[in-house]
Amino acid sequence: MSRPLGGLRVLDFSHVLAGPFATRVLGDMGADVVKVNSESRAITSNAPDHPYYIMWNRNKRALSLNMAEASAQALCRQLAQQADVVIDNFSVGVLDRWGVGYDTVSAANPGVVYAQMSGMGDHGPWSKFVTYAPTIHALSGLTSLTGVPGREDIGLGFSYNNHQSGLHGAVAILAALAQRQASGRGQRIEVSQFEVGVNFAGPSLLDLFANGVAAQATGNDLPYDAAAPHNVYPCRTVPEPSLADERWIAIACMTDAQWQALVELLGRPDWATEASLQNAPGRVAQRAILDEHLAEWTRNQDDYELMARCQAAGVPAGVVQNGRDLCERDPQLARAGFQVAIEEPHPTVGQTWADRLPLNFSETPCDDYRRVRMLGEDNAAILEDWLGLTAEDVAQHEADGVLK
């Protein structure tokens, strides 16, 4: 059965995470994603046997092109003229210098959609900045907003904005393709990863503009809602080899009824029944003392057993799971088949795994996961499928140093 995007052709120049995540989503949904790489660029995290590359580039075919050669640029123009989508997250202007920019290609392929996902966008004084997740997080305000009080330098510990930029890119591409059905024309999409990050600071910006209040890092506290307890609490430690043995549980009481249910679980101790704790403002005002009492209660309990008791009583709670928990203990993910063993071994790494696309289509399921391809592994098949080239044509291109 065909997947939702079967037949869609995507020429993918993206690298690192944001762009490859966008095209991984498209590939999982059935698009023919052609990943363009080269010998000179297939190093470190852009190498087909690097764990980072393996993570973000499944369900794509691999084409090697030496874009330093004029003949490779000419071949690439032919591919772009057959593409529905072209995507890159280079610095601004790279594709134009190669002669495969939007203006050039759209003259011959008016239906093409270009998604260009630079760090800072095409214009402005910072448009030439080289950006990675830590710099985008810092510039967009996410680092200062997601730290803890007094430690605004902590911020996010993973590439959150890269993932979000990838999702924005995928949605924008699908929107442009939907519009193309009506107009017959494609368009160029500019995705500023910086602006994606700033977008998540919306409530803080509104508070500043409307009230003159500058946002501060609040850790696990909610900056704009009165809710307590709302924190992460220690549980009984369970020694594990090679992993930190600390265990934690998050408890978040958003209503007075949830707090009362928690009080019952606590056994109605005197401190929890004080009149000042019977409403959210009172609990927020005393949240430090509240957290001390709760931590004393949770630290000698099993995290999963306590979570089950809390949820059964109507108290929102969740174990702070680590990677091993997610893969080996989580019954929800096990039921969903979230971790998928890719059938064909990787040529150098061996067995690889996929985290399943978290979307379930009733009529066009997306449950086909194919391993990452090695550099240029699909050259002949791609050039035959997209351009009708023969094996002799491909061999000549290889001899000329184009496909490397």
Foldseek 3Di string as FASTA:
>chain_A
DAFPLAPAEEEEAADQFQRLQLVLVVLLRHYAYEYEDEPVGCDDCNPQVHPRNQFRFWSYHFFYFPLVDLVLLVVVLLLQLLHQEYEYADQPPPCVVSVNDPVNNCVNRFNHEYEYEYAAWDDDPCSRPDDDQVVLCVLLVQQFAADAVPCSNHGDDDNVLSNVSSVVRNVVSVVQNVVCVVVVGGYYHYHHSSVSSNVVCVVQVCCCVVPVDHHGHHHQDDPPAQWPPFAKAWAEFDDDPPDDRTKIKTWTDRFLLLLVLVCVVVVVDVVSPDPLNSGRVSCSVVRVVVRVVVNVVHHHHDQVVVCVSSVVSVTDMDIPDDPCCLVPPDPVCVVVVQKAWADDADPPPGIDIHRRDPDQDPPRGSDHIHGRDGHRPCNQVVCCVRPVDDPVRSVVCVVVVGRD
